[in-house]
Structures are given as C-alpha cells and as structure tokens.
Amino acid sequence: LVESGGGLVQPGGSLRLSCVASGINFYYSDMGWYR
C-alpha cells in the first residue's frame, strides 16, 4: 500500500491523499485512512 499526496498546507486549505494497492484483492478489501 503506497500513499502519496501529503505535505504542508495552511489552515483552511485542501489536500488529496492517494493510496495505490498491489498484491491484494482490492475489490473485496475494506479500506480505510488512519492517522
């Protein structure tokens, strides 16, 4: 699972995180973001 899209942003701003999966049956997987 490879994340991308992080960075520095000012309050009120926006970011878009992506996670590309490999080696797993993605269709049947429950996915989530944690921090």
PDB file of all heavy atoms in Angstrom:
ATOM      1  N   LEU A   1       0.870  -1.168   0.000  1.00  0.00           N
ATOM      2  CA  LEU A   1       0.000   0.000   0.000  1.00  0.00           C
ATOM      3  C   LEU A   1       0.908   1.219   0.000  1.00  0.00           C
ATOM      4  O   LEU A   1       1.700   1.395   0.925  1.00  0.00           O
ATOM      5  CB  LEU A   1      -0.905   0.009   1.235  1.00  0.00           C
ATOM      6  CG  LEU A   1      -1.803  -1.205   1.434  1.00  0.00           C
ATOM      7  CD1 LEU A   1      -2.522  -1.120   2.787  1.00  0.00           C
ATOM      8  CD2 LEU A   1      -2.825  -1.312   0.318  1.00  0.00           C
ATOM      9  N   VAL A   2       0.792   2.044  -1.030  1.00  0.00           N
ATOM     10  CA  VAL A   2       1.708   3.184  -1.177  1.00  0.00           C
ATOM     11  C   VAL A   2       0.908   4.476  -1.183  1.00  0.00           C
ATOM     12  O   VAL A   2       0.127   4.737  -2.102  1.00  0.00           O
ATOM     13  CB  VAL A   2       2.541   3.062  -2.464  1.00  0.00           C
ATOM     14  CG1 VAL A   2       3.490   4.249  -2.577  1.00  0.00           C
ATOM     15  CG2 VAL A   2       3.316   1.749  -2.479  1.00  0.00           C
ATOM     16  N   GLU A   3       1.130   5.276  -0.127  1.00  0.00           N
ATOM     17  CA  GLU A   3       0.431   6.556  -0.004  1.00  0.00           C
ATOM     18  C   GLU A   3       1.206   7.675  -0.706  1.00  0.00           C
ATOM     19  O   GLU A   3       2.445   7.624  -0.787  1.00  0.00           O
ATOM     20  CB  GLU A   3       0.256   6.948   1.468  1.00  0.00           C
ATOM     21  CG  GLU A   3      -0.516   5.967   2.309  1.00  0.00           C
ATOM     22  CD  GLU A   3       0.370   5.073   3.135  1.00  0.00           C
ATOM     23  OE1 GLU A   3       1.544   4.871   2.735  1.00  0.00           O
ATOM     24  OE2 GLU A   3      -0.089   4.566   4.177  1.00  0.00           O
ATOM     25  N   SER A   4       0.470   8.674  -1.156  1.00  0.00           N
ATOM     26  CA  SER A   4       1.086   9.880  -1.711  1.00  0.00           C
ATOM     27  C   SER A   4       0.133  11.049  -1.507  1.00  0.00           C
ATOM     28  O   SER A   4      -1.061  10.837  -1.234  1.00  0.00           O
ATOM     29  CB  SER A   4       1.405   9.709  -3.198  1.00  0.00           C
ATOM     30  OG  SER A   4       0.236   9.479  -3.938  1.00  0.00           O
ATOM     31  N   GLY A   5       0.674  12.263  -1.633  1.00  0.00           N
ATOM     32  CA  GLY A   5      -0.170  13.447  -1.558  1.00  0.00           C
ATOM     33  C   GLY A   5      -0.065  14.246  -0.285  1.00  0.00           C
ATOM     34  O   GLY A   5      -0.720  15.282  -0.142  1.00  0.00           O
ATOM     35  N   GLY A   6       0.743  13.794   0.660  1.00  0.00           N
ATOM     36  CA  GLY A   6       0.916  14.556   1.886  1.00  0.00           C
ATOM     37  C   GLY A   6       1.723  15.818   1.640  1.00  0.00           C
ATOM     38  O   GLY A   6       2.256  16.040   0.549  1.00  0.00           O
ATOM     39  N   GLY A   7       1.802  16.653   2.667  1.00  0.00           N
ATOM     40  CA  GLY A   7       2.583  17.866   2.541  1.00  0.00           C
ATOM     41  C   GLY A   7       2.189  18.903   3.559  1.00  0.00           C
ATOM     42  O   GLY A   7       1.477  18.612   4.521  1.00  0.00           O
ATOM     43  N   LEU A   8       2.667  20.116   3.322  1.00  0.00           N
ATOM     44  CA  LEU A   8       2.390  21.252   4.200  1.00  0.00           C
ATOM     45  C   LEU A   8       1.291  22.108   3.575  1.00  0.00           C
ATOM     46  O   LEU A   8       1.364  22.449   2.386  1.00  0.00           O
ATOM     47  CB  LEU A   8       3.657  22.079   4.387  1.00  0.00           C
ATOM     48  CG  LEU A   8       3.522  23.403   5.155  1.00  0.00           C
ATOM     49  CD1 LEU A   8       3.102  23.150   6.593  1.00  0.00           C
ATOM     50  CD2 LEU A   8       4.836  24.178   5.088  1.00  0.00           C
ATOM     51  N   VAL A   9       0.300  22.450   4.375  1.00  0.00           N
ATOM     52  CA  VAL A   9      -0.807  23.271   3.879  1.00  0.00           C
ATOM     53  C   VAL A   9      -1.224  24.233   4.978  1.00  0.00           C
ATOM     54  O   VAL A   9      -1.090  23.936   6.169  1.00  0.00           O
ATOM     55  CB  VAL A   9      -1.984  22.374   3.434  1.00  0.00           C
ATOM     56  CG1 VAL A   9      -2.568  21.598   4.608  1.00  0.00           C
ATOM     57  CG2 VAL A   9      -3.053  23.178   2.720  1.00  0.00           C
ATOM     58  N   GLN A  10      -1.724  25.387   4.575  1.00  0.00           N
ATOM     59  CA  GLN A  10      -2.192  26.363   5.551  1.00  0.00           C
ATOM     60  C   GLN A  10      -3.574  25.992   6.062  1.00  0.00           C
ATOM     61  O   GLN A  10      -4.329  25.286   5.370  1.00  0.00           O
ATOM     62  CB  GLN A  10      -2.243  27.746   4.908  1.00  0.00           C
ATOM     63  CG  GLN A  10      -0.876  28.317   4.568  1.00  0.00           C
ATOM     64  CD  GLN A  10      -0.954  29.751   4.090  1.00  0.00           C
ATOM     65  OE1 GLN A  10      -2.015  30.239   3.696  1.00  0.00           O
ATOM     66  NE2 GLN A  10       0.172  30.440   4.132  1.00  0.00           N
ATOM     67  N   PRO A  11      -3.908  26.434   7.256  1.00  0.00           N
ATOM     68  CA  PRO A  11      -5.271  26.191   7.766  1.00  0.00           C
ATOM     69  C   PRO A  11      -6.328  26.662   6.771  1.00  0.00           C
ATOM     70  O   PRO A  11      -6.192  27.740   6.181  1.00  0.00           O
ATOM     71  CB  PRO A  11      -5.305  27.007   9.055  1.00  0.00           C
ATOM     72  CG  PRO A  11      -3.887  27.046   9.504  1.00  0.00           C
ATOM     73  CD  PRO A  11      -3.073  27.136   8.241  1.00  0.00           C
ATOM     74  N   GLY A  12      -7.347  25.831   6.595  1.00  0.00           N
ATOM     75  CA  GLY A  12      -8.396  26.111   5.625  1.00  0.00           C
ATOM     76  C   GLY A  12      -8.121  25.551   4.245  1.00  0.00           C
ATOM     77  O   GLY A  12      -9.007  25.556   3.390  1.00  0.00           O
ATOM     78  N   GLY A  13      -6.916  25.068   4.032  1.00  0.00           N
ATOM     79  CA  GLY A  13      -6.535  24.532   2.732  1.00  0.00           C
ATOM     80  C   GLY A  13      -6.999  23.102   2.508  1.00  0.00           C
ATOM     81  O   GLY A  13      -7.700  22.517   3.352  1.00  0.00           O
ATOM     82  N   SER A  14      -6.599  22.558   1.363  1.00  0.00           N
ATOM     83  CA  SER A  14      -7.022  21.214   0.963  1.00  0.00           C
ATOM     84  C   SER A  14      -5.823  20.372   0.544  1.00  0.00           C
ATOM     85  O   SER A  14      -4.813  20.898   0.061  1.00  0.00           O
ATOM     86  CB  SER A  14      -7.998  21.290  -0.219  1.00  0.00           C
ATOM     87  OG  SER A  14      -9.170  21.998   0.127  1.00  0.00           O
ATOM     88  N   LEU A  15      -5.961  19.084   0.757  1.00  0.00           N
ATOM     89  CA  LEU A  15      -5.003  18.089   0.259  1.00  0.00           C
ATOM     90  C   LEU A  15      -5.774  16.866  -0.179  1.00  0.00           C
ATOM     91  O   LEU A  15      -6.859  16.588   0.340  1.00  0.00           O
ATOM     92  CB  LEU A  15      -4.000  17.693   1.340  1.00  0.00           C
ATOM     93  CG  LEU A  15      -2.822  18.622   1.627  1.00  0.00           C
ATOM     94  CD1 LEU A  15      -2.011  18.074   2.797  1.00  0.00           C
ATOM     95  CD2 LEU A  15      -1.945  18.803   0.407  1.00  0.00           C
ATOM     96  N   ARG A  16      -5.153  16.137  -1.093  1.00  0.00           N
ATOM     97  CA  ARG A  16      -5.762  14.894  -1.584  1.00  0.00           C
ATOM     98  C   ARG A  16      -4.745  13.783  -1.422  1.00  0.00           C
ATOM     99  O   ARG A  16      -3.681  13.817  -2.048  1.00  0.00           O
ATOM    100  CB  ARG A  16      -6.158  15.059  -3.043  1.00  0.00           C
ATOM    101  CG  ARG A  16      -6.815  13.860  -3.698  1.00  0.00           C
ATOM    102  CD  ARG A  16      -7.099  14.217  -5.151  1.00  0.00           C
ATOM    103  NE  ARG A  16      -7.559  13.106  -5.961  1.00  0.00           N
ATOM    104  CZ  ARG A  16      -8.827  12.819  -6.183  1.00  0.00           C
ATOM    105  NH1 ARG A  16      -9.769  13.573  -5.639  1.00  0.00           N
ATOM    106  NH2 ARG A  16      -9.173  11.799  -6.953  1.00  0.00           N
ATOM    107  N   LEU A  17      -5.086  12.813  -0.589  1.00  0.00           N
ATOM    108  CA  LEU A  17      -4.216  11.660  -0.378  1.00  0.00           C
ATOM    109  C   LEU A  17      -4.663  10.513  -1.274  1.00  0.00           C
ATOM    110  O   LEU A  17      -5.863  10.285  -1.449  1.00  0.00           O
ATOM    111  CB  LEU A  17      -4.266  11.196   1.077  1.00  0.00           C
ATOM    112  CG  LEU A  17      -3.804  12.194   2.140  1.00  0.00           C
ATOM    113  CD1 LEU A  17      -3.912  11.551   3.526  1.00  0.00           C
ATOM    114  CD2 LEU A  17      -2.396  12.659   1.882  1.00  0.00           C
ATOM    115  N   SER A  18      -3.678   9.803  -1.812  1.00  0.00           N
ATOM    116  CA  SER A  18      -3.952   8.617  -2.620  1.00  0.00           C
ATOM    117  C   SER A  18      -3.210   7.423  -2.047  1.00  0.00           C
ATOM    118  O   SER A  18      -2.143   7.573  -1.453  1.00  0.00           O
ATOM    119  CB  SER A  18      -3.498   8.832  -4.065  1.00  0.00           C
ATOM    120  OG  SER A  18      -4.206   9.878  -4.683  1.00  0.00           O
ATOM    121  N   CYS A  19      -3.779   6.260  -2.225  1.00  0.00           N
ATOM    122  CA  CYS A  19      -3.152   5.011  -1.805  1.00  0.00           C
ATOM    123  C   CYS A  19      -3.358   4.002  -2.920  1.00  0.00           C
ATOM    124  O   CYS A  19      -4.496   3.672  -3.255  1.00  0.00           O
ATOM    125  CB  CYS A  19      -3.775   4.513  -0.509  1.00  0.00           C
ATOM    126  SG  CYS A  19      -3.298   2.829  -0.036  1.00  0.00           S
ATOM    127  N   VAL A  20      -2.253   3.541  -3.474  1.00  0.00           N
ATOM    128  CA  VAL A  20      -2.326   2.538  -4.533  1.00  0.00           C
ATOM    129  C   VAL A  20      -1.955   1.181  -3.946  1.00  0.00           C
ATOM    130  O   VAL A  20      -0.919   1.032  -3.308  1.00  0.00           O
ATOM    131  CB  VAL A  20      -1.385   2.890  -5.700  1.00  0.00           C
ATOM    132  CG1 VAL A  20      -1.456   1.813  -6.766  1.00  0.00           C
ATOM    133  CG2 VAL A  20      -1.766   4.242  -6.287  1.00  0.00           C
ATOM    134  N   ALA A  21      -2.821   0.218  -4.173  1.00  0.00           N
ATOM    135  CA  ALA A  21      -2.639  -1.122  -3.617  1.00  0.00           C
ATOM    136  C   ALA A  21      -2.156  -2.094  -4.695  1.00  0.00           C
ATOM    137  O   ALA A  21      -2.518  -1.982  -5.862  1.00  0.00           O
ATOM    138  CB  ALA A  21      -3.952  -1.629  -3.026  1.00  0.00           C
ATOM    139  N   SER A  22      -1.356  -3.055  -4.251  1.00  0.00           N
ATOM    140  CA  SER A  22      -0.938  -4.142  -5.137  1.00  0.00           C
ATOM    141  C   SER A  22      -0.800  -5.410  -4.306  1.00  0.00           C
ATOM    142  O   SER A  22      -0.614  -5.357  -3.086  1.00  0.00           O
ATOM    143  CB  SER A  22       0.384  -3.806  -5.833  1.00  0.00           C
ATOM    144  OG  SER A  22       1.417  -3.604  -4.896  1.00  0.00           O
ATOM    145  N   GLY A  23      -0.940  -6.547  -4.977  1.00  0.00           N
ATOM    146  CA  GLY A  23      -0.781  -7.820  -4.288  1.00  0.00           C
ATOM    147  C   GLY A  23      -1.946  -8.210  -3.413  1.00  0.00           C
ATOM    148  O   GLY A  23      -1.823  -9.110  -2.574  1.00  0.00           O
ATOM    149  N   ILE A  24      -3.103  -7.557  -3.594  1.00  0.00           N
ATOM    150  CA  ILE A  24      -4.272  -7.816  -2.759  1.00  0.00           C
ATOM    151  C   ILE A  24      -5.521  -7.734  -3.623  1.00  0.00           C
ATOM    152  O   ILE A  24      -5.540  -6.995  -4.621  1.00  0.00           O
ATOM    153  CB  ILE A  24      -4.353  -6.793  -1.603  1.00  0.00           C
ATOM    154  CG1 ILE A  24      -5.392  -7.214  -0.554  1.00  0.00           C
ATOM    155  CG2 ILE A  24      -4.651  -5.400  -2.118  1.00  0.00           C
ATOM    156  CD1 ILE A  24      -5.371  -6.376   0.707  1.00  0.00           C
ATOM    157  N   ASN A  25      -6.545  -8.519  -3.263  1.00  0.00           N
ATOM    158  CA  ASN A  25      -7.812  -8.440  -3.968  1.00  0.00           C
ATOM    159  C   ASN A  25      -8.531  -7.171  -3.496  1.00  0.00           C
ATOM    160  O   ASN A  25      -9.283  -7.193  -2.514  1.00  0.00           O
ATOM    161  CB  ASN A  25      -8.656  -9.682  -3.703  1.00  0.00           C
ATOM    162  CG  ASN A  25      -9.861  -9.749  -4.611  1.00  0.00           C
ATOM    163  OD1 ASN A  25     -10.495  -8.728  -4.896  1.00  0.00           O
ATOM    164  ND2 ASN A  25     -10.193 -10.945  -5.072  1.00  0.00           N
ATOM    165  N   PHE A  26      -8.251  -6.072  -4.185  1.00  0.00           N
ATOM    166  CA  PHE A  26      -8.739  -4.775  -3.744  1.00  0.00           C
ATOM    167  C   PHE A  26     -10.263  -4.724  -3.713  1.00  0.00           C
ATOM    168  O   PHE A  26     -10.851  -4.106  -2.819  1.00  0.00           O
ATOM    169  CB  PHE A  26      -8.187  -3.691  -4.671  1.00  0.00           C
ATOM    170  CG  PHE A  26      -8.447  -2.275  -4.219  1.00  0.00           C
ATOM    171  CD1 PHE A  26      -7.632  -1.672  -3.265  1.00  0.00           C
ATOM    172  CD2 PHE A  26      -9.501  -1.540  -4.743  1.00  0.00           C
ATOM    173  CE1 PHE A  26      -7.864  -0.370  -2.849  1.00  0.00           C
ATOM    174  CE2 PHE A  26      -9.744  -0.235  -4.339  1.00  0.00           C
ATOM    175  CZ  PHE A  26      -8.921   0.348  -3.384  1.00  0.00           C
ATOM    176  N   TYR A  27     -10.894  -5.350  -4.674  1.00  0.00           N
ATOM    177  CA  TYR A  27     -12.366  -5.265  -4.785  1.00  0.00           C
ATOM    178  C   TYR A  27     -13.046  -5.742  -3.508  1.00  0.00           C
ATOM    179  O   TYR A  27     -14.055  -5.184  -3.069  1.00  0.00           O
ATOM    180  CB  TYR A  27     -12.826  -6.094  -5.981  1.00  0.00           C
ATOM    181  CG  TYR A  27     -14.303  -5.994  -6.257  1.00  0.00           C
ATOM    182  CD1 TYR A  27     -14.821  -4.972  -7.047  1.00  0.00           C
ATOM    183  CD2 TYR A  27     -15.195  -6.927  -5.724  1.00  0.00           C
ATOM    184  CE1 TYR A  27     -16.176  -4.874  -7.295  1.00  0.00           C
ATOM    185  CE2 TYR A  27     -16.555  -6.836  -5.969  1.00  0.00           C
ATOM    186  CZ  TYR A  27     -17.036  -5.808  -6.762  1.00  0.00           C
ATOM    187  OH  TYR A  27     -18.378  -5.713  -7.001  1.00  0.00           O
ATOM    188  N   TYR A  28     -12.496  -6.777  -2.889  1.00  0.00           N
ATOM    189  CA  TYR A  28     -13.131  -7.355  -1.705  1.00  0.00           C
ATOM    190  C   TYR A  28     -12.590  -6.779  -0.394  1.00  0.00           C
ATOM    191  O   TYR A  28     -13.059  -7.140   0.683  1.00  0.00           O
ATOM    192  CB  TYR A  28     -12.946  -8.872  -1.693  1.00  0.00           C
ATOM    193  CG  TYR A  28     -13.753  -9.577  -2.748  1.00  0.00           C
ATOM    194  CD1 TYR A  28     -13.142 -10.142  -3.859  1.00  0.00           C
ATOM    195  CD2 TYR A  28     -15.135  -9.668  -2.646  1.00  0.00           C
ATOM    196  CE1 TYR A  28     -13.882 -10.786  -4.839  1.00  0.00           C
ATOM    197  CE2 TYR A  28     -15.889 -10.305  -3.621  1.00  0.00           C
ATOM    198  CZ  TYR A  28     -15.259 -10.865  -4.712  1.00  0.00           C
ATOM    199  OH  TYR A  28     -15.990 -11.495  -5.669  1.00  0.00           O
ATOM    200  N   SER A  29     -11.620  -5.901  -0.484  1.00  0.00           N
ATOM    201  CA  SER A  29     -10.970  -5.380   0.720  1.00  0.00           C
ATOM    202  C   SER A  29     -11.750  -4.203   1.301  1.00  0.00           C
ATOM    203  O   SER A  29     -12.218  -3.338   0.563  1.00  0.00           O
ATOM    204  CB  SER A  29      -9.543  -4.915   0.405  1.00  0.00           C
ATOM    205  OG  SER A  29      -8.749  -5.977  -0.054  1.00  0.00           O
ATOM    206  N   ASP A  30     -11.863  -4.177   2.609  1.00  0.00           N
ATOM    207  CA  ASP A  30     -12.337  -2.992   3.309  1.00  0.00           C
ATOM    208  C   ASP A  30     -11.135  -2.075   3.485  1.00  0.00           C
ATOM    209  O   ASP A  30     -10.088  -2.499   3.983  1.00  0.00           O
ATOM    210  CB  ASP A  30     -12.925  -3.355   4.665  1.00  0.00           C
ATOM    211  CG  ASP A  30     -14.213  -4.147   4.542  1.00  0.00           C
ATOM    212  OD1 ASP A  30     -14.879  -4.052   3.494  1.00  0.00           O
ATOM    213  OD2 ASP A  30     -14.546  -4.870   5.497  1.00  0.00           O
ATOM    214  N   MET A  31     -11.300  -0.828   3.077  1.00  0.00           N
ATOM    215  CA  MET A  31     -10.181   0.111   3.065  1.00  0.00           C
ATOM    216  C   MET A  31     -10.436   1.257   4.028  1.00  0.00           C
ATOM    217  O   MET A  31     -11.588   1.633   4.293  1.00  0.00           O
ATOM    218  CB  MET A  31      -9.964   0.671   1.659  1.00  0.00           C
ATOM    219  CG  MET A  31      -9.703  -0.367   0.598  1.00  0.00           C
ATOM    220  SD  MET A  31      -8.173  -1.286   0.871  1.00  0.00           S
ATOM    221  CE  MET A  31      -6.968   0.050   0.795  1.00  0.00           C
ATOM    222  N   GLY A  32      -9.355   1.854   4.514  1.00  0.00           N
ATOM    223  CA  GLY A  32      -9.535   2.976   5.422  1.00  0.00           C
ATOM    224  C   GLY A  32      -8.305   3.850   5.509  1.00  0.00           C
ATOM    225  O   GLY A  32      -7.200   3.446   5.132  1.00  0.00           O
ATOM    226  N   TRP A  33      -8.539   5.067   5.971  1.00  0.00           N
ATOM    227  CA  TRP A  33      -7.470   6.007   6.291  1.00  0.00           C
ATOM    228  C   TRP A  33      -7.410   6.167   7.802  1.00  0.00           C
ATOM    229  O   TRP A  33      -8.441   6.331   8.461  1.00  0.00           O
ATOM    230  CB  TRP A  33      -7.716   7.359   5.639  1.00  0.00           C
ATOM    231  CG  TRP A  33      -7.518   7.347   4.161  1.00  0.00           C
ATOM    232  CD1 TRP A  33      -8.477   7.254   3.193  1.00  0.00           C
ATOM    233  CD2 TRP A  33      -6.273   7.429   3.460  1.00  0.00           C
ATOM    234  NE1 TRP A  33      -7.915   7.256   1.951  1.00  0.00           N
ATOM    235  CE2 TRP A  33      -6.548   7.371   2.079  1.00  0.00           C
ATOM    236  CE3 TRP A  33      -4.944   7.547   3.865  1.00  0.00           C
ATOM    237  CZ2 TRP A  33      -5.552   7.431   1.116  1.00  0.00           C
ATOM    238  CZ3 TRP A  33      -3.947   7.607   2.906  1.00  0.00           C
ATOM    239  CH2 TRP A  33      -4.256   7.550   1.547  1.00  0.00           C
ATOM    240  N   TYR A  34      -6.199   6.149   8.302  1.00  0.00           N
ATOM    241  CA  TYR A  34      -5.948   6.300   9.722  1.00  0.00           C
ATOM    242  C   TYR A  34      -4.907   7.392   9.900  1.00  0.00           C
ATOM    243  O   TYR A  34      -4.175   7.712   8.957  1.00  0.00           O
ATOM    244  CB  TYR A  34      -5.418   4.983  10.311  1.00  0.00           C
ATOM    245  CG  TYR A  34      -6.333   3.802  10.086  1.00  0.00           C
ATOM    246  CD1 TYR A  34      -6.435   3.200   8.829  1.00  0.00           C
ATOM    247  CD2 TYR A  34      -7.119   3.306  11.113  1.00  0.00           C
ATOM    248  CE1 TYR A  34      -7.283   2.135   8.613  1.00  0.00           C
ATOM    249  CE2 TYR A  34      -7.974   2.226  10.916  1.00  0.00           C
ATOM    250  CZ  TYR A  34      -8.038   1.648   9.662  1.00  0.00           C
ATOM    251  OH  TYR A  34      -8.884   0.599   9.453  1.00  0.00           O
ATOM    252  N   ARG A  35      -4.841   7.950  11.092  1.00  0.00           N
ATOM    253  CA  ARG A  35      -3.815   8.958  11.329  1.00  0.00           C
ATOM    254  C   ARG A  35      -3.264   8.828  12.743  1.00  0.00           C
ATOM    255  O   ARG A  35      -3.947   8.361  13.649  1.00  0.00           O
ATOM    256  CB  ARG A  35      -4.340  10.373  11.103  1.00  0.00           C
ATOM    257  CG  ARG A  35      -5.413  10.818  12.083  1.00  0.00           C
ATOM    258  CD  ARG A  35      -5.969  12.189  11.657  1.00  0.00           C
ATOM    259  NE  ARG A  35      -7.016  12.646  12.560  1.00  0.00           N
ATOM    260  CZ  ARG A  35      -7.775  13.721  12.339  1.00  0.00           C
ATOM    261  NH1 ARG A  35      -7.600  14.441  11.223  1.00  0.00           N
ATOM    262  NH2 ARG A  35      -8.704  14.075  13.217  1.00  0.00           N
TER     263      ARG A  35
END
